Amino acid sequence: NGNLDQVNDLEIARQRIAELEDRLAQFQSELVELREVASDYDRLSRLLNYESSRQNEDYLTANVIASDDPNTLLRTIMIDRGSRDGVTRGMAVVTDQGMLGRVLRVAAGASQVLLITDPSSAISARLQTSRTQGSVVGDLSGNLTMTFIPLTAQVNVGDLVMTSGLGGNLPSDMVLGQVTSVQQFESELYQEATIRSLNNFDTLEIVLIVTNFRPVDTSTFDDNNALDAEQ
């Protein structure tokens, strides 16, 4: 009888262990879900705070559904908003950490965004403190460079770089990044600064599309100049 009781106790213990393991697995699954919810909440809260700080702009939230297009050399992301949501080519895409890029292509339910780190991207910019103008371009390594900075301009490591709004293609005062180093070239008429974006382009999940800004159409002035040249 003693041996039988021991066998029964062992079987009961095994069943209890199995039940506890099942409950632990369930709790771990629920914990993962809660952490995801908390993470999404934090991201959305930061984006909401950013929206509140930019009162003159309207935003549309979008999820990132794909990264770089393997068929091209472009640095892009794909988002789940398109023409049926009011998205058009050229709209700025941002996070609370600053500008990500501009809408390059639009379909009914999705859009492709050209990132500011792409070599074909060039954005009119200025230093936040000195208001010095320049142009921020991407490069093949995925970094950013601010070019055409006058040699006489004071550029400091840590300076924030913002969109200038010159050209009328983008809203002004959107953060592009932070100066990490400055280079001067004796043979050139300008200096350059290496810029670090505050965004992590490898972990993008939720972004904002600026929907109420419309680029300024300057083609009319080009037509007028052409007419003046003919007269």
C-alpha atoms as a PDB file:
ATOM      1  CA  ASN A   1       0.000   0.000   0.000  1.00  0.00           C
ATOM      2  CA  GLY A   2       2.825   2.374   0.787  1.00  0.00           C
ATOM      3  CA  ASN A   3       4.308   1.892  -2.663  1.00  0.00           C
ATOM      4  CA  LEU A   4       0.885   2.396  -4.270  1.00  0.00           C
ATOM      5  CA  ASP A   5       0.385   5.616  -2.323  1.00  0.00           C
ATOM      6  CA  GLN A   6       3.780   6.853  -3.491  1.00  0.00           C
ATOM      7  CA  VAL A   7       2.861   6.090  -7.134  1.00  0.00           C
ATOM      8  CA  ASN A   8      -0.443   7.921  -6.740  1.00  0.00           C
ATOM      9  CA  ASP A   9       1.276  10.902  -5.101  1.00  0.00           C
ATOM     10  CA  LEU A  10       3.833  10.972  -7.916  1.00  0.00           C
ATOM     11  CA  GLU A  11       1.098  10.921 -10.558  1.00  0.00           C
ATOM     12  CA  ILE A  12      -0.783  13.701  -8.764  1.00  0.00           C
ATOM     13  CA  ALA A  13       2.450  15.720  -8.585  1.00  0.00           C
ATOM     14  CA  ARG A  14       3.074  15.215 -12.307  1.00  0.00           C
ATOM     15  CA  GLN A  15      -0.451  16.339 -13.127  1.00  0.00           C
ATOM     16  CA  ARG A  16      -0.004  19.371 -10.875  1.00  0.00           C
ATOM     17  CA  ILE A  17       3.278  20.242 -12.579  1.00  0.00           C
ATOM     18  CA  ALA A  18       1.643  19.895 -16.009  1.00  0.00           C
ATOM     19  CA  GLU A  19      -1.200  22.179 -14.913  1.00  0.00           C
ATOM     20  CA  LEU A  20       1.252  24.753 -13.571  1.00  0.00           C
ATOM     21  CA  GLU A  21       3.301  24.615 -16.780  1.00  0.00           C
ATOM     22  CA  ASP A  22       0.131  25.185 -18.829  1.00  0.00           C
ATOM     23  CA  ARG A  23      -0.829  28.158 -16.644  1.00  0.00           C
ATOM     24  CA  LEU A  24       2.716  29.543 -16.851  1.00  0.00           C
ATOM     25  CA  ALA A  25       2.640  29.316 -20.654  1.00  0.00           C
ATOM     26  CA  GLN A  26      -0.725  31.092 -20.658  1.00  0.00           C
ATOM     27  CA  PHE A  27       0.573  33.828 -18.352  1.00  0.00           C
ATOM     28  CA  GLN A  28       3.687  34.271 -20.509  1.00  0.00           C
ATOM     29  CA  SER A  29       1.521  34.609 -23.612  1.00  0.00           C
ATOM     30  CA  GLU A  30      -0.674  37.169 -21.867  1.00  0.00           C
ATOM     31  CA  LEU A  31       2.426  39.019 -20.652  1.00  0.00           C
ATOM     32  CA  VAL A  32       3.752  39.250 -24.229  1.00  0.00           C
ATOM     33  CA  GLU A  33       0.401  40.620 -25.389  1.00  0.00           C
ATOM     34  CA  LEU A  34       0.297  43.150 -22.540  1.00  0.00           C
ATOM     35  CA  ARG A  35       3.832  44.289 -23.328  1.00  0.00           C
ATOM     36  CA  GLU A  36       2.854  44.783 -26.978  1.00  0.00           C
ATOM     37  CA  VAL A  37      -0.212  46.775 -25.918  1.00  0.00           C
ATOM     38  CA  ALA A  38       1.921  48.893 -23.580  1.00  0.00           C
ATOM     39  CA  SER A  39       4.503  49.454 -26.309  1.00  0.00           C
ATOM     40  CA  ASP A  40       1.814  50.520 -28.795  1.00  0.00           C
ATOM     41  CA  TYR A  41       0.306  52.790 -26.156  1.00  0.00           C
ATOM     42  CA  ASP A  42       3.661  54.461 -25.533  1.00  0.00           C
ATOM     43  CA  ARG A  43       4.255  55.001 -29.257  1.00  0.00           C
ATOM     44  CA  LEU A  44       0.768  56.386 -29.837  1.00  0.00           C
ATOM     45  CA  SER A  45       1.041  58.635 -26.772  1.00  0.00           C
ATOM     46  CA  ARG A  46       4.288  60.122 -28.089  1.00  0.00           C
ATOM     47  CA  LEU A  47       2.742  60.652 -31.516  1.00  0.00           C
ATOM     48  CA  LEU A  48      -0.319  62.272 -29.943  1.00  0.00           C
ATOM     49  CA  ASN A  49       1.892  64.614 -27.944  1.00  0.00           C
ATOM     50  CA  TYR A  50       3.767  65.487 -31.128  1.00  0.00           C
ATOM     51  CA  GLU A  51       0.492  66.217 -32.936  1.00  0.00           C
ATOM     52  CA  SER A  52      -0.583  68.496 -30.095  1.00  0.00           C
ATOM     53  CA  SER A  53       2.680  70.453 -30.332  1.00  0.00           C
ATOM     54  CA  ARG A  54       2.174  71.046 -34.081  1.00  0.00           C
ATOM     55  CA  GLN A  55      -1.262  72.645 -33.977  1.00  0.00           C
ATOM     56  CA  ASN A  56      -1.240  73.933 -37.558  1.00  0.00           C
ATOM     57  CA  GLU A  57      -0.857  70.491 -39.082  1.00  0.00           C
ATOM     58  CA  ASP A  58      -3.265  67.595 -39.582  1.00  0.00           C
ATOM     59  CA  TYR A  59      -2.033  64.012 -39.383  1.00  0.00           C
ATOM     60  CA  LEU A  60      -3.050  60.549 -40.478  1.00  0.00           C
ATOM     61  CA  THR A  61      -1.662  57.552 -38.563  1.00  0.00           C
ATOM     62  CA  ALA A  62      -0.253  54.685 -40.614  1.00  0.00           C
ATOM     63  CA  ASN A  63       1.375  51.332 -39.923  1.00  0.00           C
ATOM     64  CA  VAL A  64       4.664  50.353 -41.568  1.00  0.00           C
ATOM     65  CA  ILE A  65       4.023  47.145 -43.505  1.00  0.00           C
ATOM     66  CA  ALA A  66       7.330  46.724 -45.386  1.00  0.00           C
ATOM     67  CA  SER A  67      10.837  48.163 -45.548  1.00  0.00           C
ATOM     68  CA  ASP A  68      13.342  48.632 -48.394  1.00  0.00           C
ATOM     69  CA  ASP A  69      12.168  47.484 -51.822  1.00  0.00           C
ATOM     70  CA  PRO A  70      14.451  44.547 -52.774  1.00  0.00           C
ATOM     71  CA  ASN A  71      13.894  45.284 -56.474  1.00  0.00           C
ATOM     72  CA  THR A  72      15.468  48.752 -56.283  1.00  0.00           C
ATOM     73  CA  LEU A  73      18.326  50.538 -54.523  1.00  0.00           C
ATOM     74  CA  LEU A  74      15.883  52.981 -52.961  1.00  0.00           C
ATOM     75  CA  ARG A  75      15.671  53.324 -49.194  1.00  0.00           C
ATOM     76  CA  THR A  76      11.917  53.167 -48.663  1.00  0.00           C
ATOM     77  CA  ILE A  77       9.163  51.918 -46.399  1.00  0.00           C
ATOM     78  CA  MET A  78       5.620  50.858 -47.275  1.00  0.00           C
ATOM     79  CA  ILE A  79       2.677  52.101 -45.214  1.00  0.00           C
ATOM     80  CA  ASP A  80      -0.952  50.952 -45.079  1.00  0.00           C
ATOM     81  CA  ARG A  81      -2.544  54.242 -46.174  1.00  0.00           C
ATOM     82  CA  GLY A  82      -3.215  55.298 -49.742  1.00  0.00           C
ATOM     83  CA  SER A  83      -5.283  57.419 -52.086  1.00  0.00           C
ATOM     84  CA  ARG A  84      -8.601  56.319 -50.583  1.00  0.00           C
ATOM     85  CA  ASP A  85      -7.325  57.767 -47.282  1.00  0.00           C
ATOM     86  CA  GLY A  86      -6.431  61.061 -48.938  1.00  0.00           C
ATOM     87  CA  VAL A  87      -2.697  60.402 -49.258  1.00  0.00           C
ATOM     88  CA  THR A  88      -0.982  62.078 -52.216  1.00  0.00           C
ATOM     89  CA  ARG A  89       2.547  62.067 -53.615  1.00  0.00           C
ATOM     90  CA  GLY A  90       4.971  64.383 -51.837  1.00  0.00           C
ATOM     91  CA  MET A  91       3.297  64.346 -48.403  1.00  0.00           C
ATOM     92  CA  ALA A  92       5.723  64.420 -45.478  1.00  0.00           C
ATOM     93  CA  VAL A  93       5.924  61.368 -43.195  1.00  0.00           C
ATOM     94  CA  VAL A  94       7.141  61.859 -39.612  1.00  0.00           C
ATOM     95  CA  THR A  95       7.347  60.449 -36.102  1.00  0.00           C
ATOM     96  CA  ASP A  96       7.665  62.277 -32.809  1.00  0.00           C
ATOM     97  CA  GLN A  97      11.446  62.068 -33.361  1.00  0.00           C
ATOM     98  CA  GLY A  98      11.337  64.004 -36.620  1.00  0.00           C
ATOM     99  CA  MET A  99      10.931  63.634 -40.359  1.00  0.00           C
ATOM    100  CA  LEU A 100      11.222  60.226 -42.025  1.00  0.00           C
ATOM    101  CA  GLY A 101      10.628  61.000 -45.676  1.00  0.00           C
ATOM    102  CA  ARG A 102       8.113  61.852 -48.361  1.00  0.00           C
ATOM    103  CA  VAL A 103       5.415  59.819 -50.106  1.00  0.00           C
ATOM    104  CA  LEU A 104       6.875  58.599 -53.392  1.00  0.00           C
ATOM    105  CA  ARG A 105       4.156  56.365 -54.842  1.00  0.00           C
ATOM    106  CA  VAL A 106       0.492  55.958 -53.934  1.00  0.00           C
ATOM    107  CA  ALA A 107      -1.934  53.069 -54.447  1.00  0.00           C
ATOM    108  CA  ALA A 108      -5.515  52.775 -53.208  1.00  0.00           C
ATOM    109  CA  GLY A 109      -4.646  51.248 -49.843  1.00  0.00           C
ATOM    110  CA  ALA A 110      -0.884  51.668 -49.491  1.00  0.00           C
ATOM    111  CA  SER A 111       1.928  54.108 -50.181  1.00  0.00           C
ATOM    112  CA  GLN A 112       5.678  53.940 -50.662  1.00  0.00           C
ATOM    113  CA  VAL A 113       7.735  56.463 -48.683  1.00  0.00           C
ATOM    114  CA  LEU A 114      11.185  57.607 -49.806  1.00  0.00           C
ATOM    115  CA  LEU A 115      13.294  57.969 -46.667  1.00  0.00           C
ATOM    116  CA  ILE A 116      15.444  61.047 -46.048  1.00  0.00           C
ATOM    117  CA  THR A 117      18.468  58.719 -45.909  1.00  0.00           C
ATOM    118  CA  ASP A 118      18.085  57.796 -49.585  1.00  0.00           C
ATOM    119  CA  PRO A 119      20.847  59.300 -51.806  1.00  0.00           C
ATOM    120  CA  SER A 120      18.208  60.859 -54.080  1.00  0.00           C
ATOM    121  CA  SER A 121      16.644  62.753 -51.163  1.00  0.00           C
ATOM    122  CA  ALA A 122      17.586  66.441 -50.795  1.00  0.00           C
ATOM    123  CA  ILE A 123      15.772  68.716 -48.344  1.00  0.00           C
ATOM    124  CA  SER A 124      16.170  72.435 -47.735  1.00  0.00           C
ATOM    125  CA  ALA A 125      17.259  72.783 -44.119  1.00  0.00           C
ATOM    126  CA  ARG A 126      18.576  75.154 -41.495  1.00  0.00           C
ATOM    127  CA  LEU A 127      20.351  74.971 -38.177  1.00  0.00           C
ATOM    128  CA  GLN A 128      17.924  75.615 -35.342  1.00  0.00           C
ATOM    129  CA  THR A 129      20.178  77.967 -33.362  1.00  0.00           C
ATOM    130  CA  SER A 130      21.945  80.067 -36.025  1.00  0.00           C
ATOM    131  CA  ARG A 131      19.226  79.691 -38.711  1.00  0.00           C
ATOM    132  CA  THR A 132      22.008  79.008 -41.227  1.00  0.00           C
ATOM    133  CA  GLN A 133      20.664  77.490 -44.438  1.00  0.00           C
ATOM    134  CA  GLY A 134      21.842  74.365 -46.225  1.00  0.00           C
ATOM    135  CA  SER A 135      20.641  71.158 -47.837  1.00  0.00           C
ATOM    136  CA  VAL A 136      20.333  67.769 -46.139  1.00  0.00           C
ATOM    137  CA  VAL A 137      21.011  64.789 -48.409  1.00  0.00           C
ATOM    138  CA  GLY A 138      21.166  61.043 -47.868  1.00  0.00           C
ATOM    139  CA  ASP A 139      23.993  58.748 -48.877  1.00  0.00           C
ATOM    140  CA  LEU A 140      24.576  55.088 -49.706  1.00  0.00           C
ATOM    141  CA  SER A 141      25.563  54.289 -46.114  1.00  0.00           C
ATOM    142  CA  GLY A 142      22.182  55.495 -44.838  1.00  0.00           C
ATOM    143  CA  ASN A 143      23.591  58.584 -43.148  1.00  0.00           C
ATOM    144  CA  LEU A 144      22.704  62.253 -43.618  1.00  0.00           C
ATOM    145  CA  THR A 145      24.892  65.174 -44.647  1.00  0.00           C
ATOM    146  CA  MET A 146      24.090  68.879 -44.512  1.00  0.00           C
ATOM    147  CA  THR A 147      25.857  70.552 -47.433  1.00  0.00           C
ATOM    148  CA  PHE A 148      26.277  74.106 -48.788  1.00  0.00           C
ATOM    149  CA  ILE A 149      26.783  75.573 -45.300  1.00  0.00           C
ATOM    150  CA  PRO A 150      28.627  78.917 -45.647  1.00  0.00           C
ATOM    151  CA  LEU A 151      32.251  78.805 -44.457  1.00  0.00           C
ATOM    152  CA  THR A 152      31.567  81.709 -42.095  1.00  0.00           C
ATOM    153  CA  ALA A 153      28.642  79.934 -40.363  1.00  0.00           C
ATOM    154  CA  GLN A 154      29.066  78.623 -36.829  1.00  0.00           C
ATOM    155  CA  VAL A 155      28.149  74.941 -36.688  1.00  0.00           C
ATOM    156  CA  ASN A 156      28.334  73.044 -33.392  1.00  0.00           C
ATOM    157  CA  VAL A 157      28.125  69.357 -32.613  1.00  0.00           C
ATOM    158  CA  GLY A 158      24.683  68.758 -31.094  1.00  0.00           C
ATOM    159  CA  ASP A 159      22.918  71.468 -33.120  1.00  0.00           C
ATOM    160  CA  LEU A 160      19.454  70.426 -34.308  1.00  0.00           C
ATOM    161  CA  VAL A 161      18.779  70.573 -38.037  1.00  0.00           C
ATOM    162  CA  MET A 162      15.249  71.460 -39.155  1.00  0.00           C
ATOM    163  CA  THR A 163      13.395  71.717 -42.448  1.00  0.00           C
ATOM    164  CA  SER A 164      13.521  75.324 -43.646  1.00  0.00           C
ATOM    165  CA  GLY A 165      10.392  75.355 -45.782  1.00  0.00           C
ATOM    166  CA  LEU A 166      12.322  76.999 -48.622  1.00  0.00           C
ATOM    167  CA  GLY A 167      10.964  75.960 -52.001  1.00  0.00           C
ATOM    168  CA  GLY A 168       7.523  75.406 -50.535  1.00  0.00           C
ATOM    169  CA  ASN A 169       7.723  71.609 -50.793  1.00  0.00           C
ATOM    170  CA  LEU A 170       7.668  70.774 -47.064  1.00  0.00           C
ATOM    171  CA  PRO A 171       6.456  72.304 -43.796  1.00  0.00           C
ATOM    172  CA  SER A 172       9.133  74.191 -41.884  1.00  0.00           C
ATOM    173  CA  ASP A 173      10.682  73.343 -38.514  1.00  0.00           C
ATOM    174  CA  MET A 174      10.433  69.562 -38.719  1.00  0.00           C
ATOM    175  CA  VAL A 175      13.463  67.925 -37.095  1.00  0.00           C
ATOM    176  CA  LEU A 176      15.808  66.195 -39.549  1.00  0.00           C
ATOM    177  CA  GLY A 177      18.522  65.262 -37.085  1.00  0.00           C
ATOM    178  CA  GLN A 178      21.434  66.404 -34.968  1.00  0.00           C
ATOM    179  CA  VAL A 179      24.946  67.475 -35.977  1.00  0.00           C
ATOM    180  CA  THR A 180      27.577  64.882 -35.029  1.00  0.00           C
ATOM    181  CA  SER A 181      30.621  66.317 -36.831  1.00  0.00           C
ATOM    182  CA  VAL A 182      31.662  69.212 -39.083  1.00  0.00           C
ATOM    183  CA  GLN A 183      34.042  69.175 -42.045  1.00  0.00           C
ATOM    184  CA  GLN A 184      35.629  72.151 -43.809  1.00  0.00           C
ATOM    185  CA  PHE A 185      37.283  71.903 -47.213  1.00  0.00           C
ATOM    186  CA  GLU A 186      39.841  74.536 -48.227  1.00  0.00           C
ATOM    187  CA  SER A 187      39.144  73.932 -51.907  1.00  0.00           C
ATOM    188  CA  GLU A 188      35.384  74.363 -51.463  1.00  0.00           C
ATOM    189  CA  LEU A 189      33.266  77.428 -50.825  1.00  0.00           C
ATOM    190  CA  TYR A 190      31.199  75.737 -48.134  1.00  0.00           C
ATOM    191  CA  GLN A 191      31.402  73.341 -45.188  1.00  0.00           C
ATOM    192  CA  GLU A 192      29.527  70.124 -44.466  1.00  0.00           C
ATOM    193  CA  ALA A 193      28.061  68.576 -41.333  1.00  0.00           C
ATOM    194  CA  THR A 194      27.297  64.935 -40.659  1.00  0.00           C
ATOM    195  CA  ILE A 195      23.758  64.571 -39.324  1.00  0.00           C
ATOM    196  CA  ARG A 196      22.311  61.780 -37.198  1.00  0.00           C
ATOM    197  CA  SER A 197      18.584  61.274 -37.466  1.00  0.00           C
ATOM    198  CA  LEU A 198      16.829  60.797 -34.129  1.00  0.00           C
ATOM    199  CA  ASN A 199      14.711  58.061 -35.722  1.00  0.00           C
ATOM    200  CA  ASN A 200      15.695  54.404 -35.807  1.00  0.00           C
ATOM    201  CA  PHE A 201      14.766  53.468 -39.371  1.00  0.00           C
ATOM    202  CA  ASP A 202      15.134  49.747 -38.640  1.00  0.00           C
ATOM    203  CA  THR A 203      12.381  49.636 -35.988  1.00  0.00           C
ATOM    204  CA  LEU A 204       9.640  51.797 -37.506  1.00  0.00           C
ATOM    205  CA  GLU A 205       6.116  50.572 -36.793  1.00  0.00           C
ATOM    206  CA  ILE A 206       3.716  53.539 -36.582  1.00  0.00           C
ATOM    207  CA  VAL A 207       4.165  56.828 -38.458  1.00  0.00           C
ATOM    208  CA  LEU A 208       2.274  60.048 -39.133  1.00  0.00           C
ATOM    209  CA  ILE A 209       1.453  61.513 -42.539  1.00  0.00           C
ATOM    210  CA  VAL A 210       1.102  65.312 -42.729  1.00  0.00           C
ATOM    211  CA  THR A 211      -2.139  65.667 -44.700  1.00  0.00           C
ATOM    212  CA  ASN A 212      -3.009  69.366 -44.724  1.00  0.00           C
ATOM    213  CA  PHE A 213       0.216  70.774 -46.202  1.00  0.00           C
ATOM    214  CA  ARG A 214       0.138  71.425 -49.927  1.00  0.00           C
ATOM    215  CA  PRO A 215       3.407  72.102 -51.811  1.00  0.00           C
ATOM    216  CA  VAL A 216       3.567  75.516 -53.477  1.00  0.00           C
ATOM    217  CA  ASP A 217       3.159  75.320 -57.254  1.00  0.00           C
ATOM    218  CA  THR A 218       5.793  77.587 -58.810  1.00  0.00           C
ATOM    219  CA  SER A 219       5.289  76.383 -62.393  1.00  0.00           C
ATOM    220  CA  THR A 220       3.276  79.532 -63.188  1.00  0.00           C
ATOM    221  CA  PHE A 221       6.363  81.658 -62.543  1.00  0.00           C
ATOM    222  CA  ASP A 222       8.397  79.440 -64.859  1.00  0.00           C
ATOM    223  CA  ASP A 223       5.798  79.948 -67.603  1.00  0.00           C
ATOM    224  CA  ASN A 224       5.885  83.726 -67.072  1.00  0.00           C
ATOM    225  CA  ASN A 225       9.677  83.733 -67.328  1.00  0.00           C
ATOM    226  CA  ALA A 226       9.438  81.801 -70.569  1.00  0.00           C
ATOM    227  CA  LEU A 227       6.966  84.377 -71.950  1.00  0.00           C
ATOM    228  CA  ASP A 228       9.222  87.234 -70.873  1.00  0.00           C
ATOM    229  CA  ALA A 229      12.140  85.628 -72.692  1.00  0.00           C
ATOM    230  CA  GLU A 230      10.094  85.421 -75.897  1.00  0.00           C
ATOM    231  CA  GLN A 231       9.163  89.119 -75.860  1.00  0.00           C
END
